[in-house]
């Protein structure tokens, strides 16, 4: 019986303490509002995936030769291959494939980073010229993404405060300090994949030398950065 009373008393103390802590936070008039802000930014980092394989080249050009031509083409475009061209296969420089139990075909995957859609367009044309067609956009990003997200957060808080003022003005009350803030961060990782328009370069190989070829116009959807902040303000 004494043990039961002791446990009950201990439980009462814990409950009382919890109520006191809750009361110290809520036992005052307050208003809770959500603030929102968003913006659209043009990606300045475009990641191109490039797969080179002997079986994809005409006349079975050795992979090393295709690789050398690709790097030479990139350098002629002013691309820093030491910095912006990396291999995505960290375990081995080459992957080997067996065909009909006789032939061994080598394959290698690269990731190239460029800063704008126009450069990406030129990259696709250069790769097509040297016989590399297995390419795609892996993702897009922005170098100042975190900074832009913080700007959105600040604007969202300002929006929340403006809402609080507009709601309390008819009540002849004023808005005091913020006592609780929650950042409901939005996940934008899916948007960084970037949808591509105008990527097709079909018909390029069939053009005559006298014909003028216009590079395909590649455009990326802008990245939407948004922020929703929940704020509790003291009411005076």
Protein backbone atom coordinates (compact mmCIF):
# COMPACT_ATOMS: atom_id res chain seq x y z
CA UNK A 1 0.00 0.00 0.00
CA UNK A 2 2.80 2.38 0.91
CA UNK A 3 4.47 1.62 -2.42
CA UNK A 4 1.25 2.41 -4.26
CA UNK A 5 0.89 5.72 -2.42
CA UNK A 6 4.52 6.59 -3.16
CA UNK A 7 4.10 5.87 -6.88
CA UNK A 8 0.83 7.82 -6.98
CA UNK A 9 2.46 10.76 -5.24
CA UNK A 10 5.41 10.69 -7.63
CA UNK A 11 3.03 10.60 -10.59
CA UNK A 12 1.15 13.60 -9.20
CA UNK A 13 4.40 15.54 -8.88
CA UNK A 14 5.35 14.76 -12.50
CA UNK A 15 1.91 15.77 -13.77
CA UNK A 16 1.97 18.95 -11.71
CA UNK A 17 5.42 19.85 -13.01
CA UNK A 18 4.30 19.25 -16.60
CA UNK A 19 1.24 21.45 -16.10
CA UNK A 20 3.37 24.21 -14.61
CA UNK A 21 5.75 24.10 -17.55
CA UNK A 22 2.86 24.20 -20.02
CA UNK A 23 1.18 26.97 -18.09
CA UNK A 24 4.32 29.11 -18.08
CA UNK A 25 4.27 29.04 -21.88
CA UNK A 26 0.54 29.29 -22.61
CA UNK A 27 -0.81 31.22 -19.63
CA UNK A 28 -0.81 34.52 -21.49
CA UNK A 29 -2.85 35.88 -24.36
CA UNK A 30 -1.26 35.15 -27.72
CA UNK A 31 -2.06 34.86 -31.41
CA UNK A 32 -0.71 32.16 -33.72
CA UNK A 33 -0.34 32.82 -37.46
CA UNK A 34 1.37 31.26 -40.45
CA UNK A 35 3.56 33.36 -42.70
CA UNK A 36 4.41 32.37 -46.28
CA UNK A 37 6.91 33.49 -48.90
CA UNK A 38 8.24 32.02 -52.13
CA UNK A 39 10.44 32.85 -55.09
CA UNK A 40 11.63 31.34 -58.37
CA UNK A 41 15.32 31.03 -59.23
CA UNK A 42 17.07 29.98 -62.42
CA UNK A 43 19.44 27.04 -61.84
CA UNK A 44 23.12 27.89 -62.23
CA UNK A 45 24.38 24.33 -61.80
CA UNK A 46 23.39 21.77 -64.43
CA UNK A 47 24.66 18.23 -64.02
CA UNK A 48 24.89 16.18 -67.23
CA UNK A 49 25.27 12.41 -67.06
CA UNK A 50 27.43 10.97 -69.84
CA UNK A 51 27.73 7.24 -70.51
CA UNK A 52 30.57 6.17 -72.82
CA UNK A 53 30.59 2.59 -74.06
CA UNK A 54 32.36 0.88 -76.94
CA UNK A 55 29.16 -0.76 -78.08
CA UNK A 56 27.53 2.68 -78.47
CA UNK A 57 30.17 3.98 -80.87
CA UNK A 58 30.34 3.45 -84.61
CA UNK A 59 32.97 1.00 -85.87
CA UNK A 60 33.71 0.02 -82.28
CA UNK A 61 35.96 2.97 -81.54
CA UNK A 62 37.98 2.23 -78.36
CA UNK A 63 36.54 3.80 -75.25
CA UNK A 64 39.84 5.54 -74.47
CA UNK A 65 39.71 7.29 -77.84
CA UNK A 66 36.16 8.50 -77.27
CA UNK A 67 37.11 9.65 -73.81
CA UNK A 68 40.09 11.60 -75.15
CA UNK A 69 37.95 13.28 -77.83
CA UNK A 70 35.32 14.20 -75.27
CA UNK A 71 37.80 15.86 -72.92
CA UNK A 72 39.45 17.70 -75.80
CA UNK A 73 36.05 18.99 -76.97
CA UNK A 74 35.16 20.19 -73.48
CA UNK A 75 38.45 22.04 -73.10
CA UNK A 76 37.91 23.77 -76.45
CA UNK A 77 34.62 25.07 -75.03
CA UNK A 78 36.41 26.55 -72.04
CA UNK A 79 35.21 23.89 -69.59
CA UNK A 80 37.56 23.13 -66.72
CA UNK A 81 37.57 19.33 -66.95
CA UNK A 82 39.74 18.98 -63.85
CA UNK A 83 37.12 20.73 -61.75
CA UNK A 84 33.77 20.15 -63.48
CA UNK A 85 34.14 16.67 -64.99
CA UNK A 86 34.06 13.71 -62.63
CA UNK A 87 33.48 10.00 -62.92
CA UNK A 88 30.50 8.75 -60.93
CA UNK A 89 31.89 5.22 -60.60
CA UNK A 90 33.96 5.43 -57.41
CA UNK A 91 34.84 1.73 -57.27
CA UNK A 92 36.48 1.40 -60.64
CA UNK A 93 37.46 3.56 -63.56
CA UNK A 94 35.78 1.22 -66.00
CA UNK A 95 32.91 -1.20 -66.02
CA UNK A 96 33.22 -4.34 -68.09
CA UNK A 97 30.43 -6.09 -69.93
CA UNK A 98 30.50 -9.50 -71.62
CA UNK A 99 28.78 -9.98 -74.94
CA UNK A 100 28.06 -13.51 -76.25
CA UNK A 101 30.69 -14.85 -73.85
CA UNK A 102 33.44 -13.61 -76.17
CA UNK A 103 33.70 -9.85 -76.40
CA UNK A 104 34.52 -7.65 -73.45
CA UNK A 105 33.07 -4.15 -73.74
CA UNK A 106 34.15 -1.28 -71.53
CA UNK A 107 31.82 1.43 -70.24
CA UNK A 108 32.38 4.54 -68.18
CA UNK A 109 30.04 7.11 -66.68
CA UNK A 110 30.84 10.78 -66.21
CA UNK A 111 29.07 13.72 -64.57
CA UNK A 112 29.70 17.12 -66.13
CA UNK A 113 28.72 20.33 -64.34
CA UNK A 114 27.92 23.44 -66.38
CA UNK A 115 26.53 26.78 -65.32
CA UNK A 116 23.92 27.58 -67.96
CA UNK A 117 21.50 26.00 -70.43
CA UNK A 118 23.33 27.41 -73.46
CA UNK A 119 26.54 25.61 -72.47
CA UNK A 120 24.57 22.41 -71.86
CA UNK A 121 23.17 22.70 -75.37
CA UNK A 122 26.66 22.98 -76.86
CA UNK A 123 27.81 19.99 -74.82
CA UNK A 124 25.10 17.77 -76.29
CA UNK A 125 26.04 18.82 -79.83
CA UNK A 126 29.77 18.21 -79.27
CA UNK A 127 29.09 14.79 -77.80
CA UNK A 128 26.84 13.88 -80.72
CA UNK A 129 29.60 14.92 -83.14
CA UNK A 130 32.12 12.52 -81.63
CA UNK A 131 29.66 9.63 -81.40
CA UNK A 132 28.49 9.84 -77.79
CA UNK A 133 24.71 9.92 -77.56
CA UNK A 134 23.90 8.30 -74.23
CA UNK A 135 23.51 11.53 -72.26
CA UNK A 136 20.91 13.00 -69.95
CA UNK A 137 20.30 15.73 -67.38
CA UNK A 138 20.83 14.25 -63.94
CA UNK A 139 19.74 17.25 -61.86
CA UNK A 140 19.92 21.00 -61.48
CA UNK A 141 20.87 23.14 -58.48
CA UNK A 142 21.79 26.66 -57.39
CA UNK A 143 24.95 27.72 -55.59
CA UNK A 144 23.12 30.17 -53.29
CA UNK A 145 20.14 27.95 -52.53
CA UNK A 146 20.55 28.05 -48.72
CA UNK A 147 20.99 31.84 -48.76
CA UNK A 148 17.83 32.23 -50.83
CA UNK A 149 15.93 29.90 -48.49
CA UNK A 150 16.94 32.09 -45.53
CA UNK A 151 15.68 35.19 -47.35
CA UNK A 152 12.36 33.41 -47.88
CA UNK A 153 12.21 32.51 -44.19
CA UNK A 154 12.71 36.16 -43.20
CA UNK A 155 9.98 37.26 -45.61
CA UNK A 156 7.66 34.57 -44.24
CA UNK A 157 8.15 35.86 -40.68
CA UNK A 158 7.41 39.41 -41.86
CA UNK A 159 4.27 38.07 -43.54
CA UNK A 160 3.23 36.36 -40.31
CA UNK A 161 3.70 39.55 -38.32
CA UNK A 162 1.67 41.54 -40.86
CA UNK A 163 -1.14 39.00 -40.55
CA UNK A 164 -1.03 39.25 -36.76
CA UNK A 165 -1.34 43.07 -36.91
CA UNK A 166 -4.26 42.91 -39.36
CA UNK A 167 -6.10 40.38 -37.18
CA UNK A 168 -5.64 42.26 -33.91
CA UNK A 169 -6.28 45.80 -35.14
CA UNK A 170 -10.11 45.44 -35.12
CA UNK A 171 -9.85 44.15 -31.53
CA UNK A 172 -7.98 47.26 -30.39
CA UNK A 173 -5.08 45.08 -29.25
CA UNK A 174 -1.40 45.19 -30.13
CA UNK A 175 1.09 42.50 -31.11
CA UNK A 176 4.01 41.87 -28.77
CA UNK A 177 7.13 39.74 -28.98
CA UNK A 178 7.20 36.34 -30.65
CA UNK A 179 7.22 33.54 -28.08
CA UNK A 180 7.30 30.52 -30.36
CA UNK A 181 8.51 30.01 -33.95
CA UNK A 182 8.30 26.86 -36.09
CA UNK A 183 9.99 26.56 -39.46
CA UNK A 184 7.88 24.26 -41.64
CA UNK A 185 10.64 23.73 -44.18
CA UNK A 186 9.54 22.60 -47.62
CA UNK A 187 11.38 19.74 -49.29
CA UNK A 188 12.48 20.90 -52.74
CA UNK A 189 14.78 18.00 -53.59
CA UNK A 190 12.33 16.67 -56.16
CA UNK A 191 12.25 20.01 -57.97
CA UNK A 192 16.01 19.95 -58.39
CA UNK A 193 15.63 17.23 -60.99
CA UNK A 194 14.62 19.98 -63.39
CA UNK A 195 12.30 19.37 -66.29
CA UNK A 196 13.93 19.95 -69.64
CA UNK A 197 12.31 21.44 -72.72
CA UNK A 198 13.72 21.39 -76.26
CA UNK A 199 16.39 18.78 -75.61
CA UNK A 200 15.84 16.80 -78.82
CA UNK A 201 18.61 17.08 -81.43
CA UNK A 202 17.10 14.66 -83.94
CA UNK A 203 17.97 15.30 -87.56
CA UNK A 204 21.30 16.86 -86.75
CA UNK A 205 23.33 14.06 -88.38
CA UNK A 206 21.41 14.36 -91.64
CA UNK A 207 22.22 18.00 -92.28
CA UNK A 208 24.53 19.00 -95.09
CA UNK A 209 27.65 21.02 -94.36
CA UNK A 210 26.17 24.00 -96.20
CA UNK A 211 23.11 24.01 -94.01
CA UNK A 212 23.25 26.16 -90.93
CA UNK A 213 22.40 24.26 -87.78
CA UNK A 214 20.93 26.03 -84.81
CA UNK A 215 21.72 24.65 -81.41
CA UNK A 216 18.69 23.27 -79.60
CA UNK A 217 17.31 25.67 -77.05
CA UNK A 218 17.34 24.03 -73.66
CA UNK A 219 15.29 25.66 -70.96
CA UNK A 220 14.89 24.55 -67.39
CA UNK A 221 11.95 25.16 -65.14
CA UNK A 222 12.91 27.56 -62.41
CA UNK A 223 13.42 26.17 -58.93
CA UNK A 224 10.63 27.19 -56.58
CA UNK A 225 11.87 28.05 -53.10
CA UNK A 226 9.14 28.47 -50.51
CA UNK A 227 8.91 28.89 -46.78
CA UNK A 228 6.06 28.58 -44.27
CA UNK A 229 6.70 29.81 -40.72
CA UNK A 230 4.35 29.40 -37.77
CA UNK A 231 4.71 32.18 -35.18
CA UNK A 232 3.01 32.81 -31.82
CA UNK A 233 2.93 36.48 -30.79
CA UNK A 234 2.01 37.84 -27.37
CA UNK A 235 -1.18 39.90 -27.36
CA UNK A 236 -1.14 43.16 -25.42
